[in-house]
Amino acid sequence: MAVTIVVNVIPSSGRVGFFLDKAGRLKCHLKSAPEKGKANNELIGLLAKVLGLTRQDIEIVGGLISRSKRLRISASLTEEQVKAKLGLERQGTCI
């Protein structure tokens, strides 16, 4: 079973982490610059580490050169489990 999530990335931000904005959209701060796939690689690595998966379990299926990315997580996780592992359940809205 796969879960698809949408993440808006903020590259070159000097910090790293996931959060929800006021509208409830999932955002991610990344240290890497958006050049030569560095920010995409950092996003996949960070998500894999937080979710306890391998990099091969996560694929960018939309928005490869955009700040808004659609990611497919090929693991036996539900959307609620992804939300909990990212620490978003404390923020209240869903991804």
Protein backbone atom coordinates (compact mmCIF):
# COMPACT_ATOMS: atom_id res chain seq x y z
CA MET A 1 0.00 0.00 0.00
CA ALA A 2 1.32 3.44 -0.87
CA VAL A 3 0.52 6.85 0.55
CA THR A 4 0.84 10.06 -1.48
CA ILE A 5 1.53 13.34 0.28
CA VAL A 6 2.10 16.89 -0.92
CA VAL A 7 5.00 18.84 0.59
CA ASN A 8 5.89 22.46 -0.08
CA VAL A 9 9.64 22.84 0.32
CA ILE A 10 11.59 25.90 1.41
CA PRO A 11 15.16 25.34 0.17
CA SER A 12 18.25 27.17 1.45
CA SER A 13 16.44 28.03 4.68
CA GLY A 14 19.31 27.24 7.04
CA ARG A 15 17.24 24.81 9.10
CA VAL A 16 15.58 21.44 8.61
CA GLY A 17 12.14 20.24 9.65
CA PHE A 18 8.50 19.63 8.82
CA PHE A 19 5.62 21.86 9.90
CA LEU A 20 2.09 22.84 8.95
CA ASP A 21 1.36 26.38 7.82
CA LYS A 22 -1.74 28.31 8.87
CA ALA A 23 -3.74 26.81 6.00
CA GLY A 24 -2.83 23.27 7.09
CA ARG A 25 -0.38 22.56 4.25
CA LEU A 26 2.68 20.44 4.96
CA LYS A 27 5.91 22.38 4.52
CA CYS A 28 9.54 21.42 4.91
CA HIS A 29 12.58 23.61 5.55
CA LEU A 30 15.72 22.35 3.82
CA LYS A 31 19.32 23.51 4.08
CA SER A 32 20.25 22.50 0.52
CA ALA A 33 19.99 24.81 -2.46
CA PRO A 34 17.49 23.98 -5.21
CA GLU A 35 20.16 23.12 -7.77
CA LYS A 36 21.23 19.83 -9.34
CA GLY A 37 18.68 17.89 -7.29
CA LYS A 38 20.32 18.68 -3.94
CA ALA A 39 17.11 19.83 -2.24
CA ASN A 40 15.16 16.83 -3.63
CA ASN A 41 17.81 14.43 -2.31
CA GLU A 42 17.78 16.12 1.09
CA LEU A 43 13.96 15.95 1.23
CA ILE A 44 13.89 12.22 0.40
CA GLY A 45 16.69 11.48 2.87
CA LEU A 46 15.05 13.47 5.66
CA LEU A 47 11.66 11.89 5.09
CA ALA A 48 13.18 8.39 4.96
CA LYS A 49 15.05 8.99 8.22
CA VAL A 50 12.03 10.38 10.07
CA LEU A 51 9.71 7.61 8.85
CA GLY A 52 12.26 4.84 9.40
CA LEU A 53 12.26 3.80 5.72
CA THR A 54 14.84 3.47 2.98
CA ARG A 55 15.32 6.14 0.32
CA GLN A 56 13.98 3.66 -2.26
CA ASP A 57 10.60 3.64 -0.46
CA ILE A 58 10.06 7.33 -1.27
CA GLU A 59 9.64 8.73 -4.77
CA ILE A 60 8.89 12.21 -6.08
CA VAL A 61 6.00 11.67 -8.49
CA GLY A 62 5.20 15.32 -9.18
CA GLY A 63 6.91 18.68 -8.90
CA LEU A 64 10.49 17.61 -9.51
CA ILE A 65 11.55 21.20 -10.28
CA SER A 66 8.80 22.92 -8.29
CA ARG A 67 8.60 23.87 -4.62
CA SER A 68 5.37 21.90 -4.34
CA LYS A 69 6.23 18.20 -4.45
CA ARG A 70 4.00 15.14 -4.58
CA LEU A 71 5.68 12.18 -2.89
CA ARG A 72 4.68 8.52 -2.97
CA ILE A 73 5.64 6.54 0.12
CA SER A 74 5.70 2.84 -0.77
CA ALA A 75 5.39 1.32 2.68
CA SER A 76 2.69 -0.14 4.85
CA LEU A 77 1.95 3.19 6.52
CA THR A 78 -1.34 5.01 6.71
CA GLU A 79 -1.68 8.76 6.33
CA GLU A 80 -2.27 9.01 10.09
CA GLN A 81 0.94 7.08 10.83
CA VAL A 82 2.93 9.37 8.53
CA LYS A 83 1.42 12.38 10.28
CA ALA A 84 2.30 10.98 13.71
CA LYS A 85 5.90 10.15 12.74
CA LEU A 86 6.38 13.68 11.37
CA GLY A 87 5.10 15.07 14.68
CA LEU A 88 2.14 16.77 13.03
CA GLU A 89 -0.58 15.31 15.26
CA ARG A 90 0.41 17.90 17.86
CA GLN A 91 -0.36 20.64 15.35
CA GLY A 92 -3.89 19.41 14.76
CA THR A 93 -4.58 19.41 11.03
CA CYS A 94 -3.97 16.67 8.51
CA ILE A 95 -1.57 16.52 5.55
